[in-house]
């Protein structure tokens, strides 16, 4: 594997793609450190430690996000909305004739399916962002600046940040597909899991 990487590095075009992919992964990891406004990090940490000990679904989402879910950062939802959308659209291609026809149309049909998948991922990210907000609210990790409109504004900002982070993840994955070494979403997922590796041994 090391020898394969060395050989790839010697080819100028592959070297550019590898460097670009690494650059996108760095952006992805930096984005995972941006905090979402109106959240109490101490209450969040205490809630997640309690949740993690039970080994529930949140622990799984935290692994997918490379630890960003537990910190409720901008990229907390990470690749999970897109993966869910892919699974749903894939299943629907067997149930809905129009989607089945698109799948059989070759590259053009797959492009349209990919666009539909991204729209579905956006809808899922809004739903997941709202569900995560409700979970954080129940855990007492939301800091409201006031009542009335201020409270509604805080809710909208939190959900919008989670949704924007999921959309940004999909965009970064597309950049790796177009200008990097390909398999963008898989690369970001792998990078997140690897980044979380050292902490799992502590």
N, C-alpha and C. Protein backbone atom coordinates (compact mmCIF):
# COMPACT_ATOMS: atom_id res chain seq x y z
N UNK A 1 0.83 -1.21 0.00
CA UNK A 1 0.00 0.00 0.00
C UNK A 1 0.87 1.27 0.00
N UNK A 2 1.91 1.26 0.82
CA UNK A 2 2.83 2.42 0.87
C UNK A 2 3.51 2.62 -0.48
N UNK A 3 3.90 1.49 -1.12
CA UNK A 3 4.55 1.55 -2.42
C UNK A 3 3.59 2.10 -3.48
N UNK A 4 2.32 1.71 -3.39
CA UNK A 4 1.30 2.22 -4.33
C UNK A 4 1.14 3.73 -4.17
N UNK A 5 1.13 4.18 -2.92
CA UNK A 5 1.02 5.62 -2.65
C UNK A 5 2.24 6.37 -3.19
N UNK A 6 3.43 5.79 -3.04
CA UNK A 6 4.65 6.43 -3.57
C UNK A 6 4.61 6.55 -5.08
N UNK A 7 4.16 5.50 -5.73
CA UNK A 7 4.06 5.52 -7.19
C UNK A 7 3.05 6.56 -7.65
N UNK A 8 1.93 6.67 -6.94
CA UNK A 8 0.90 7.66 -7.28
C UNK A 8 1.43 9.08 -7.08
N UNK A 9 2.25 9.26 -6.04
CA UNK A 9 2.79 10.58 -5.72
C UNK A 9 3.74 11.08 -6.80
N UNK A 10 4.38 10.14 -7.51
CA UNK A 10 5.33 10.51 -8.56
C UNK A 10 4.64 11.04 -9.82
N UNK A 11 3.35 10.72 -9.98
CA UNK A 11 2.59 11.19 -11.14
C UNK A 11 2.01 12.57 -10.81
N UNK A 12 2.40 13.63 -11.56
CA UNK A 12 1.96 15.00 -11.22
C UNK A 12 0.44 15.15 -11.08
N UNK A 13 -0.32 14.56 -12.02
CA UNK A 13 -1.78 14.71 -11.98
C UNK A 13 -2.38 14.04 -10.74
N UNK A 14 -1.88 12.84 -10.42
CA UNK A 14 -2.37 12.15 -9.22
C UNK A 14 -1.95 12.88 -7.95
N UNK A 15 -0.75 13.45 -7.98
CA UNK A 15 -0.27 14.20 -6.81
C UNK A 15 -1.17 15.40 -6.53
N UNK A 16 -1.60 16.10 -7.59
CA UNK A 16 -2.51 17.24 -7.43
C UNK A 16 -3.84 16.79 -6.84
N UNK A 17 -4.34 15.65 -7.31
CA UNK A 17 -5.62 15.12 -6.81
C UNK A 17 -5.51 14.71 -5.35
N UNK A 18 -4.37 14.10 -4.99
CA UNK A 18 -4.17 13.69 -3.60
C UNK A 18 -4.08 14.90 -2.68
N UNK A 19 -3.35 15.92 -3.11
CA UNK A 19 -3.21 17.14 -2.31
C UNK A 19 -4.55 17.86 -2.16
N UNK A 20 -5.32 17.90 -3.25
CA UNK A 20 -6.64 18.54 -3.19
C UNK A 20 -7.57 17.79 -2.24
N UNK A 21 -7.53 16.47 -2.31
CA UNK A 21 -8.36 15.65 -1.41
C UNK A 21 -7.97 15.89 0.04
N UNK A 22 -6.67 15.94 0.30
CA UNK A 22 -6.18 16.21 1.66
C UNK A 22 -6.64 17.59 2.13
N UNK A 23 -6.61 18.57 1.23
CA UNK A 23 -7.03 19.94 1.55
C UNK A 23 -8.51 19.97 1.93
N UNK A 24 -9.35 19.27 1.18
CA UNK A 24 -10.79 19.21 1.47
C UNK A 24 -11.03 18.53 2.82
N UNK A 25 -10.28 17.46 3.09
CA UNK A 25 -10.43 16.76 4.38
C UNK A 25 -10.06 17.68 5.54
N UNK A 26 -9.02 18.50 5.35
CA UNK A 26 -8.62 19.46 6.39
C UNK A 26 -9.75 20.47 6.63
N UNK A 27 -10.36 20.97 5.54
CA UNK A 27 -11.48 21.90 5.67
C UNK A 27 -12.63 21.24 6.43
N UNK A 28 -12.88 19.98 6.09
CA UNK A 28 -13.95 19.23 6.75
C UNK A 28 -13.70 19.10 8.25
N UNK A 29 -12.46 18.80 8.61
CA UNK A 29 -12.12 18.66 10.04
C UNK A 29 -12.17 20.01 10.75
N UNK A 30 -11.74 21.07 10.07
CA UNK A 30 -11.80 22.42 10.67
C UNK A 30 -13.26 22.82 10.88
N UNK A 31 -14.11 22.52 9.88
CA UNK A 31 -15.54 22.83 9.99
C UNK A 31 -16.18 22.13 11.17
N UNK A 32 -15.62 20.99 11.54
CA UNK A 32 -16.13 20.24 12.69
C UNK A 32 -15.79 20.85 14.04
N UNK A 33 -15.00 21.92 14.02
CA UNK A 33 -14.65 22.59 15.28
C UNK A 33 -15.46 23.88 15.48
N UNK A 34 -16.25 24.26 14.47
CA UNK A 34 -17.03 25.51 14.55
C UNK A 34 -18.27 25.27 15.41
N UNK A 35 -18.39 25.96 16.54
CA UNK A 35 -19.55 25.72 17.43
C UNK A 35 -20.84 26.33 16.88
N UNK A 36 -21.95 25.69 17.20
CA UNK A 36 -23.27 26.22 16.83
C UNK A 36 -23.71 27.18 17.93
N UNK A 37 -24.21 28.37 17.58
CA UNK A 37 -24.63 29.35 18.61
C UNK A 37 -25.76 28.83 19.49
N UNK A 38 -25.87 29.44 20.67
CA UNK A 38 -26.96 29.20 21.63
C UNK A 38 -26.94 27.80 22.25
N UNK A 39 -25.77 27.17 22.29
CA UNK A 39 -25.66 25.85 22.91
C UNK A 39 -24.67 25.89 24.07
N UNK A 40 -25.01 25.21 25.16
CA UNK A 40 -24.17 25.15 26.36
C UNK A 40 -23.27 23.92 26.26
N UNK A 41 -21.96 24.15 26.03
CA UNK A 41 -21.02 23.05 25.80
C UNK A 41 -20.87 22.15 27.02
N UNK A 42 -20.94 22.71 28.22
CA UNK A 42 -20.78 21.91 29.44
C UNK A 42 -21.98 20.98 29.63
N UNK A 43 -23.19 21.51 29.47
CA UNK A 43 -24.40 20.69 29.59
C UNK A 43 -24.43 19.62 28.50
N UNK A 44 -23.95 20.01 27.32
CA UNK A 44 -23.91 19.07 26.19
C UNK A 44 -22.96 17.92 26.47
N UNK A 45 -21.79 18.25 27.00
CA UNK A 45 -20.79 17.23 27.33
C UNK A 45 -21.30 16.27 28.40
N UNK A 46 -21.94 16.80 29.42
CA UNK A 46 -22.48 15.97 30.50
C UNK A 46 -23.58 15.06 29.98
N UNK A 47 -24.45 15.60 29.10
CA UNK A 47 -25.53 14.78 28.55
C UNK A 47 -24.99 13.65 27.68
N UNK A 48 -23.96 13.99 26.85
CA UNK A 48 -23.48 12.96 25.93
C UNK A 48 -22.69 11.87 26.65
N UNK A 49 -22.00 12.22 27.71
CA UNK A 49 -21.29 11.19 28.49
C UNK A 49 -22.28 10.18 29.06
N UNK A 50 -23.39 10.69 29.55
CA UNK A 50 -24.43 9.82 30.09
C UNK A 50 -25.06 8.98 28.97
N UNK A 51 -25.27 9.60 27.81
CA UNK A 51 -25.87 8.90 26.67
C UNK A 51 -24.92 7.86 26.09
N UNK A 52 -23.63 8.20 26.03
CA UNK A 52 -22.63 7.31 25.43
C UNK A 52 -22.45 6.03 26.23
N UNK A 53 -22.59 6.13 27.54
CA UNK A 53 -22.43 4.95 28.40
C UNK A 53 -23.49 3.89 28.14
N UNK A 54 -24.64 4.33 27.61
CA UNK A 54 -25.71 3.37 27.31
C UNK A 54 -25.58 2.76 25.92
N UNK A 55 -24.64 3.30 25.10
CA UNK A 55 -24.40 2.76 23.77
C UNK A 55 -25.59 2.84 22.84
N UNK A 56 -26.29 3.99 22.83
CA UNK A 56 -27.50 4.12 22.02
C UNK A 56 -27.19 4.62 20.61
N UNK A 57 -28.25 5.03 19.90
CA UNK A 57 -28.14 5.47 18.51
C UNK A 57 -27.26 6.70 18.36
N UNK A 58 -27.22 7.55 19.40
CA UNK A 58 -26.41 8.76 19.34
C UNK A 58 -24.92 8.43 19.23
N UNK A 59 -24.51 7.34 19.85
CA UNK A 59 -23.10 6.93 19.76
C UNK A 59 -22.75 6.58 18.32
N UNK A 60 -23.68 5.92 17.64
CA UNK A 60 -23.49 5.56 16.22
C UNK A 60 -23.35 6.82 15.37
N UNK A 61 -24.23 7.81 15.59
CA UNK A 61 -24.16 9.07 14.84
C UNK A 61 -22.86 9.81 15.14
N UNK A 62 -22.38 9.69 16.36
CA UNK A 62 -21.13 10.35 16.73
C UNK A 62 -19.95 9.74 15.99
N UNK A 63 -19.97 8.43 15.80
CA UNK A 63 -18.91 7.76 15.04
C UNK A 63 -18.94 8.23 13.59
N UNK A 64 -20.14 8.29 13.00
CA UNK A 64 -20.28 8.74 11.60
C UNK A 64 -19.77 10.16 11.40
N UNK A 65 -19.96 11.00 12.41
CA UNK A 65 -19.58 12.41 12.28
C UNK A 65 -18.14 12.68 12.72
N UNK A 66 -17.42 11.66 13.14
CA UNK A 66 -16.04 11.86 13.59
C UNK A 66 -15.96 12.60 14.91
N UNK A 67 -16.98 12.45 15.76
CA UNK A 67 -16.99 13.10 17.08
C UNK A 67 -17.67 14.45 17.09
N UNK A 68 -18.09 14.95 15.91
CA UNK A 68 -18.73 16.27 15.84
C UNK A 68 -20.14 16.28 16.43
N UNK A 69 -20.81 15.14 16.38
CA UNK A 69 -22.18 15.06 16.88
C UNK A 69 -22.22 15.32 18.39
N UNK A 70 -21.26 14.75 19.11
CA UNK A 70 -21.23 14.92 20.57
C UNK A 70 -20.94 16.37 20.97
N UNK A 71 -20.25 17.10 20.09
CA UNK A 71 -19.91 18.50 20.39
C UNK A 71 -20.95 19.46 19.83
N UNK A 72 -21.91 18.93 19.04
CA UNK A 72 -22.95 19.75 18.39
C UNK A 72 -22.33 20.90 17.62
N UNK A 73 -21.32 20.60 16.81
CA UNK A 73 -20.67 21.63 16.00
C UNK A 73 -21.42 21.79 14.69
N UNK A 74 -20.91 22.66 13.82
CA UNK A 74 -21.53 22.94 12.54
C UNK A 74 -21.75 21.66 11.71
N UNK A 75 -20.79 20.73 11.77
CA UNK A 75 -20.86 19.50 10.99
C UNK A 75 -21.33 18.32 11.83
N UNK A 76 -22.19 18.58 12.78
CA UNK A 76 -22.66 17.51 13.68
C UNK A 76 -23.38 16.40 12.94
N UNK A 77 -24.17 16.76 11.93
CA UNK A 77 -24.94 15.74 11.18
C UNK A 77 -24.06 15.00 10.18
N UNK A 78 -22.99 15.66 9.74
CA UNK A 78 -22.00 15.05 8.86
C UNK A 78 -22.63 14.38 7.64
N UNK A 79 -22.25 13.13 7.36
CA UNK A 79 -22.70 12.44 6.14
C UNK A 79 -24.00 11.67 6.33
N UNK A 80 -24.52 11.61 7.56
CA UNK A 80 -25.68 10.75 7.83
C UNK A 80 -26.93 11.11 7.00
N UNK A 81 -27.27 12.41 6.78
CA UNK A 81 -28.45 12.70 5.93
C UNK A 81 -28.27 12.18 4.50
N UNK A 82 -27.05 12.32 3.97
CA UNK A 82 -26.81 11.88 2.60
C UNK A 82 -26.85 10.36 2.48
N UNK A 83 -26.28 9.67 3.45
CA UNK A 83 -26.30 8.20 3.44
C UNK A 83 -27.74 7.70 3.54
N UNK A 84 -28.53 8.31 4.44
CA UNK A 84 -29.95 7.93 4.57
C UNK A 84 -30.71 8.19 3.27
N UNK A 85 -30.43 9.35 2.65
CA UNK A 85 -31.10 9.69 1.39
C UNK A 85 -30.74 8.69 0.29
N UNK A 86 -29.48 8.30 0.23
CA UNK A 86 -29.05 7.32 -0.76
C UNK A 86 -29.80 6.00 -0.60
N UNK A 87 -29.91 5.54 0.64
CA UNK A 87 -30.60 4.28 0.92
C UNK A 87 -32.07 4.37 0.53
N UNK A 88 -32.72 5.49 0.90
CA UNK A 88 -34.14 5.67 0.60
C UNK A 88 -34.40 5.72 -0.91
N UNK A 89 -33.59 6.52 -1.62
CA UNK A 89 -33.77 6.65 -3.08
C UNK A 89 -33.47 5.32 -3.77
N UNK A 90 -32.46 4.61 -3.28
CA UNK A 90 -32.13 3.30 -3.86
C UNK A 90 -33.30 2.33 -3.72
N UNK A 91 -33.93 2.33 -2.56
CA UNK A 91 -35.09 1.46 -2.33
C UNK A 91 -36.29 1.89 -3.18
N UNK A 92 -36.46 3.21 -3.33
CA UNK A 92 -37.59 3.72 -4.11
C UNK A 92 -37.47 3.43 -5.60
N UNK A 93 -36.23 3.23 -6.08
CA UNK A 93 -36.06 2.91 -7.50
C UNK A 93 -36.70 1.56 -7.85
N UNK A 94 -36.86 0.69 -6.86
CA UNK A 94 -37.52 -0.60 -7.09
C UNK A 94 -39.04 -0.49 -6.94
N UNK A 95 -39.49 0.59 -6.29
CA UNK A 95 -40.93 0.74 -6.01
C UNK A 95 -41.62 1.73 -6.94
N UNK A 96 -40.86 2.76 -7.40
CA UNK A 96 -41.45 3.80 -8.25
C UNK A 96 -40.92 3.68 -9.68
N UNK A 97 -41.79 3.44 -10.66
CA UNK A 97 -41.37 3.29 -12.06
C UNK A 97 -40.56 4.47 -12.62
N UNK A 98 -40.94 5.75 -12.32
CA UNK A 98 -40.13 6.87 -12.86
C UNK A 98 -38.67 6.82 -12.41
N UNK A 99 -38.45 6.49 -11.13
CA UNK A 99 -37.08 6.40 -10.63
C UNK A 99 -36.36 5.19 -11.23
N UNK A 100 -37.11 4.13 -11.45
CA UNK A 100 -36.53 2.92 -12.06
C UNK A 100 -36.08 3.21 -13.49
N UNK A 101 -36.87 4.02 -14.21
CA UNK A 101 -36.50 4.39 -15.58
C UNK A 101 -35.24 5.25 -15.58
N UNK A 102 -35.16 6.18 -14.61
CA UNK A 102 -33.96 7.02 -14.51
C UNK A 102 -32.71 6.17 -14.29
N UNK A 103 -32.83 5.16 -13.46
CA UNK A 103 -31.69 4.30 -13.17
C UNK A 103 -31.20 3.56 -14.41
N UNK A 104 -32.14 3.29 -15.32
CA UNK A 104 -31.79 2.54 -16.54
C UNK A 104 -31.37 3.43 -17.70
N UNK A 105 -31.39 4.75 -17.49
CA UNK A 105 -31.07 5.68 -18.57
C UNK A 105 -29.57 5.95 -18.73
N UNK A 106 -28.76 5.29 -17.93
CA UNK A 106 -27.31 5.48 -18.03
C UNK A 106 -26.82 6.68 -17.25
N UNK A 107 -25.70 7.29 -17.69
CA UNK A 107 -25.09 8.41 -16.96
C UNK A 107 -26.03 9.58 -16.70
N UNK A 108 -26.85 9.94 -17.71
CA UNK A 108 -27.78 11.07 -17.55
C UNK A 108 -28.82 10.78 -16.48
N UNK A 109 -29.33 9.57 -16.50
CA UNK A 109 -30.31 9.17 -15.49
C UNK A 109 -29.71 9.15 -14.10
N UNK A 110 -28.47 8.69 -14.01
CA UNK A 110 -27.80 8.65 -12.69
C UNK A 110 -27.55 10.05 -12.16
N UNK A 111 -27.26 11.01 -13.07
CA UNK A 111 -27.08 12.41 -12.64
C UNK A 111 -28.37 12.96 -12.04
N UNK A 112 -29.48 12.65 -12.70
CA UNK A 112 -30.78 13.11 -12.18
C UNK A 112 -31.10 12.46 -10.84
N UNK A 113 -30.78 11.17 -10.73
CA UNK A 113 -31.00 10.47 -9.45
C UNK A 113 -30.13 11.06 -8.35
N UNK A 114 -28.91 11.44 -8.72
CA UNK A 114 -28.00 12.04 -7.74
C UNK A 114 -28.54 13.38 -7.26
N UNK A 115 -29.13 14.15 -8.18
CA UNK A 115 -29.73 15.44 -7.81
C UNK A 115 -30.92 15.23 -6.87
N UNK A 116 -31.74 14.23 -7.20
CA UNK A 116 -32.90 13.90 -6.35
C UNK A 116 -32.42 13.47 -4.96
N UNK A 117 -31.34 12.69 -4.94
CA UNK A 117 -30.76 12.23 -3.66
C UNK A 117 -30.31 13.42 -2.81
N UNK A 118 -29.72 14.42 -3.45
CA UNK A 118 -29.25 15.60 -2.72
C UNK A 118 -30.41 16.41 -2.14
N UNK A 119 -31.49 16.53 -2.91
CA UNK A 119 -32.68 17.22 -2.40
C UNK A 119 -33.28 16.45 -1.22
N UNK A 120 -33.29 15.13 -1.36
CA UNK A 120 -33.80 14.29 -0.26
C UNK A 120 -32.91 14.43 0.96
N UNK A 121 -31.59 14.51 0.73
CA UNK A 121 -30.64 14.69 1.84
C UNK A 121 -30.86 16.02 2.55
N UNK A 122 -31.20 17.05 1.77
CA UNK A 122 -31.49 18.37 2.37
C UNK A 122 -32.72 18.29 3.27
N UNK A 123 -33.78 17.62 2.79
CA UNK A 123 -35.00 17.47 3.58
C UNK A 123 -34.73 16.66 4.86
N UNK A 124 -33.93 15.60 4.71
CA UNK A 124 -33.59 14.76 5.88
C UNK A 124 -32.74 15.54 6.87
N UNK A 125 -31.82 16.37 6.37
CA UNK A 125 -30.97 17.16 7.27
C UNK A 125 -31.77 18.18 8.06
N UNK A 126 -32.81 18.76 7.43
CA UNK A 126 -33.69 19.69 8.16
C UNK A 126 -34.42 18.94 9.28
N UNK A 127 -34.93 17.75 8.95
CA UNK A 127 -35.63 16.94 9.95
C UNK A 127 -34.68 16.50 11.07
N UNK A 128 -33.49 16.03 10.70
CA UNK A 128 -32.53 15.59 11.72
C UNK A 128 -32.05 16.76 12.57
N UNK A 129 -31.86 17.92 11.93
CA UNK A 129 -31.45 19.11 12.68
C UNK A 129 -32.50 19.51 13.70
N UNK A 130 -33.76 19.44 13.28
CA UNK A 130 -34.88 19.75 14.19
C UNK A 130 -34.95 18.72 15.32
N UNK A 131 -34.81 17.43 14.98
CA UNK A 131 -34.86 16.38 16.00
C UNK A 131 -33.70 16.51 16.99
N UNK A 132 -32.52 16.87 16.47
CA UNK A 132 -31.36 17.03 17.36
C UNK A 132 -31.55 18.24 18.26
N UNK A 133 -32.15 19.30 17.70
CA UNK A 133 -32.43 20.49 18.52
C UNK A 133 -33.36 20.13 19.67
N UNK A 134 -34.42 19.37 19.39
CA UNK A 134 -35.35 18.95 20.44
C UNK A 134 -34.66 18.11 21.50
N UNK A 135 -33.72 17.26 21.06
CA UNK A 135 -32.96 16.42 22.01
C UNK A 135 -32.09 17.29 22.90
N UNK A 136 -31.43 18.28 22.30
CA UNK A 136 -30.58 19.19 23.07
C UNK A 136 -31.41 20.05 24.03
N UNK A 137 -32.58 20.44 23.57
CA UNK A 137 -33.48 21.23 24.41
C UNK A 137 -33.90 20.42 25.64
N UNK A 138 -34.23 19.15 25.41
CA UNK A 138 -34.63 18.27 26.51
C UNK A 138 -33.48 18.04 27.48
N UNK A 139 -32.25 18.02 26.95
CA UNK A 139 -31.07 17.81 27.78
C UNK A 139 -30.64 19.09 28.51
N UNK A 140 -31.31 20.20 28.22
CA UNK A 140 -30.96 21.47 28.88
C UNK A 140 -29.71 22.11 28.34
N UNK A 141 -29.37 21.82 27.07
CA UNK A 141 -28.13 22.34 26.49
C UNK A 141 -28.34 23.54 25.59
N UNK A 142 -29.60 24.04 25.52
CA UNK A 142 -29.90 25.21 24.68
C UNK A 142 -29.96 26.46 25.54
N UNK A 143 -29.23 27.48 25.12
CA UNK A 143 -29.20 28.76 25.83
C UNK A 143 -30.04 29.78 25.06
N UNK A 144 -31.23 30.06 25.52
CA UNK A 144 -32.09 31.02 24.84
C UNK A 144 -31.72 32.45 25.26
N UNK A 145 -31.62 33.38 24.27
CA UNK A 145 -31.28 34.76 24.61
C UNK A 145 -32.45 35.53 25.21
N UNK A 146 -33.64 34.95 25.15
CA UNK A 146 -34.83 35.62 25.68
C UNK A 146 -36.08 34.81 25.36
N UNK A 147 -37.22 35.44 25.48
CA UNK A 147 -38.49 34.78 25.17
C UNK A 147 -39.06 35.32 23.86
N UNK A 148 -40.18 34.76 23.46
CA UNK A 148 -40.86 35.24 22.25
C UNK A 148 -40.03 35.06 21.00
N UNK A 149 -39.84 36.16 20.25
CA UNK A 149 -39.12 36.10 18.97
C UNK A 149 -37.68 35.65 19.17
N UNK A 150 -37.05 36.09 20.27
CA UNK A 150 -35.65 35.71 20.53
C UNK A 150 -35.51 34.19 20.64
N UNK A 151 -36.47 33.57 21.27
CA UNK A 151 -36.45 32.10 21.43
C UNK A 151 -36.62 31.41 20.08
N UNK A 152 -37.57 31.91 19.29
CA UNK A 152 -37.80 31.34 17.95
C UNK A 152 -36.58 31.54 17.07
N UNK A 153 -35.96 32.72 17.17
CA UNK A 153 -34.76 33.01 16.38
C UNK A 153 -33.64 32.04 16.72
N UNK A 154 -33.45 31.75 18.01
CA UNK A 154 -32.41 30.80 18.44
C UNK A 154 -32.68 29.41 17.87
N UNK A 155 -33.93 29.00 17.88
CA UNK A 155 -34.31 27.69 17.34
C UNK A 155 -33.98 27.60 15.85
N UNK A 156 -34.34 28.66 15.12
CA UNK A 156 -34.11 28.68 13.66
C UNK A 156 -32.61 28.65 13.36
N UNK A 157 -31.84 29.42 14.11
CA UNK A 157 -30.38 29.47 13.89
C UNK A 157 -29.74 28.10 14.14
N UNK A 158 -30.13 27.45 15.21
CA UNK A 158 -29.56 26.13 15.55
C UNK A 158 -29.87 25.11 14.45
N UNK A 159 -31.13 25.03 14.04
CA UNK A 159 -31.53 24.06 13.00
C UNK A 159 -30.88 24.42 11.67
N UNK A 160 -30.81 25.72 11.35
CA UNK A 160 -30.20 26.16 10.09
C UNK A 160 -28.71 25.82 10.06
N UNK A 161 -28.03 25.95 11.19
CA UNK A 161 -26.60 25.63 11.25
C UNK A 161 -26.36 24.14 11.01
N UNK A 162 -27.16 23.29 11.62
CA UNK A 162 -27.03 21.85 11.41
C UNK A 162 -27.30 21.48 9.95
N UNK A 163 -28.33 22.11 9.37
CA UNK A 163 -28.69 21.85 7.97
C UNK A 163 -27.59 22.32 7.02
N UNK A 164 -27.06 23.53 7.28
CA UNK A 164 -25.99 24.09 6.45
C UNK A 164 -24.74 23.21 6.52
N UNK A 165 -24.45 22.70 7.71
CA UNK A 165 -23.29 21.83 7.88
C UNK A 165 -23.42 20.55 7.08
N UNK A 166 -24.62 19.96 7.06
CA UNK A 166 -24.85 18.74 6.28
C UNK A 166 -24.71 19.04 4.79
N UNK A 167 -25.24 20.19 4.35
CA UNK A 167 -25.13 20.59 2.93
C UNK A 167 -23.67 20.84 2.56
N UNK A 168 -22.93 21.44 3.47
CA UNK A 168 -21.51 21.70 3.23
C UNK A 168 -20.74 20.38 3.09
N UNK A 169 -21.09 19.39 3.89
CA UNK A 169 -20.44 18.08 3.81
C UNK A 169 -20.66 17.46 2.44
N UNK A 170 -21.89 17.54 1.94
CA UNK A 170 -22.20 16.99 0.61
C UNK A 170 -21.41 17.74 -0.46
N UNK A 171 -21.31 19.07 -0.33
CA UNK A 171 -20.56 19.87 -1.30
C UNK A 171 -19.08 19.50 -1.28
N UNK A 172 -18.52 19.33 -0.09
CA UNK A 172 -17.10 18.95 0.01
C UNK A 172 -16.87 17.58 -0.62
N UNK A 173 -17.83 16.66 -0.41
CA UNK A 173 -17.72 15.34 -1.03
C UNK A 173 -17.74 15.45 -2.55
N UNK A 174 -18.58 16.34 -3.09
CA UNK A 174 -18.66 16.56 -4.54
C UNK A 174 -17.34 17.10 -5.09
N UNK A 175 -16.69 17.98 -4.32
CA UNK A 175 -15.42 18.53 -4.76
C UNK A 175 -14.35 17.44 -4.88
N UNK A 176 -14.36 16.50 -3.94
CA UNK A 176 -13.42 15.38 -4.02
C UNK A 176 -13.74 14.51 -5.23
N UNK A 177 -15.03 14.34 -5.52
CA UNK A 177 -15.43 13.55 -6.70
C UNK A 177 -14.95 14.20 -7.99
N UNK A 178 -15.08 15.52 -8.07
CA UNK A 178 -14.77 16.24 -9.31
C UNK A 178 -13.28 16.52 -9.49
N UNK A 179 -12.60 16.94 -8.41
CA UNK A 179 -11.21 17.38 -8.55
C UNK A 179 -10.21 16.54 -7.76
N UNK A 180 -10.74 15.64 -6.92
CA UNK A 180 -9.85 14.81 -6.10
C UNK A 180 -9.78 13.39 -6.61
N UNK A 181 -9.63 12.45 -5.71
CA UNK A 181 -9.43 11.05 -6.10
C UNK A 181 -10.75 10.26 -6.15
N UNK A 182 -11.89 10.94 -5.93
CA UNK A 182 -13.18 10.28 -6.02
C UNK A 182 -13.68 9.74 -4.70
N UNK A 183 -14.91 9.17 -4.73
CA UNK A 183 -15.55 8.62 -3.51
C UNK A 183 -15.56 9.63 -2.37
N UNK A 184 -16.01 10.85 -2.69
CA UNK A 184 -15.93 11.96 -1.74
C UNK A 184 -16.57 11.72 -0.39
N UNK A 185 -17.83 11.28 -0.38
CA UNK A 185 -18.54 11.05 0.88
C UNK A 185 -17.86 9.96 1.69
N UNK A 186 -17.43 8.91 0.99
CA UNK A 186 -16.73 7.80 1.67
C UNK A 186 -15.41 8.28 2.28
N UNK A 187 -14.71 9.16 1.56
CA UNK A 187 -13.44 9.71 2.06
C UNK A 187 -13.66 10.53 3.33
N UNK A 188 -14.72 11.35 3.33
CA UNK A 188 -15.01 12.18 4.50
C UNK A 188 -15.44 11.31 5.68
N UNK A 189 -16.22 10.29 5.40
CA UNK A 189 -16.64 9.35 6.44
C UNK A 189 -15.43 8.65 7.04
N UNK A 190 -14.54 8.20 6.18
CA UNK A 190 -13.32 7.52 6.63
C UNK A 190 -12.43 8.46 7.45
N UNK A 191 -12.31 9.70 6.98
CA UNK A 191 -11.49 10.69 7.68
C UNK A 191 -12.03 10.96 9.09
N UNK A 192 -13.36 11.03 9.20
CA UNK A 192 -13.98 11.27 10.50
C UNK A 192 -13.76 10.11 11.46
N UNK A 193 -13.89 8.89 10.95
CA UNK A 193 -13.71 7.71 11.79
C UNK A 193 -12.25 7.60 12.24
N UNK A 194 -11.32 7.85 11.31
CA UNK A 194 -9.89 7.79 11.63
C UNK A 194 -9.53 8.86 12.66
N UNK A 195 -10.07 10.07 12.49
CA UNK A 195 -9.78 11.18 13.39
C UNK A 195 -10.25 10.87 14.81
N UNK A 196 -11.33 10.09 14.92
CA UNK A 196 -11.87 9.74 16.22
C UNK A 196 -11.16 8.56 16.85
N UNK A 197 -10.32 7.86 16.05
CA UNK A 197 -9.65 6.65 16.52
C UNK A 197 -8.84 6.82 17.79
N UNK A 198 -7.92 7.83 17.86
CA UNK A 198 -7.11 7.97 19.08
C UNK A 198 -7.94 8.14 20.36
N UNK A 199 -9.06 8.90 20.28
CA UNK A 199 -9.85 9.17 21.47
C UNK A 199 -10.57 7.90 21.97
N UNK A 200 -10.81 6.95 21.06
CA UNK A 200 -11.51 5.73 21.46
C UNK A 200 -10.64 4.82 22.32
N UNK A 201 -9.32 5.05 22.31
CA UNK A 201 -8.42 4.23 23.11
C UNK A 201 -8.10 4.86 24.46
N UNK A 202 -8.58 6.11 24.64
CA UNK A 202 -8.29 6.82 25.91
C UNK A 202 -9.29 6.43 26.99
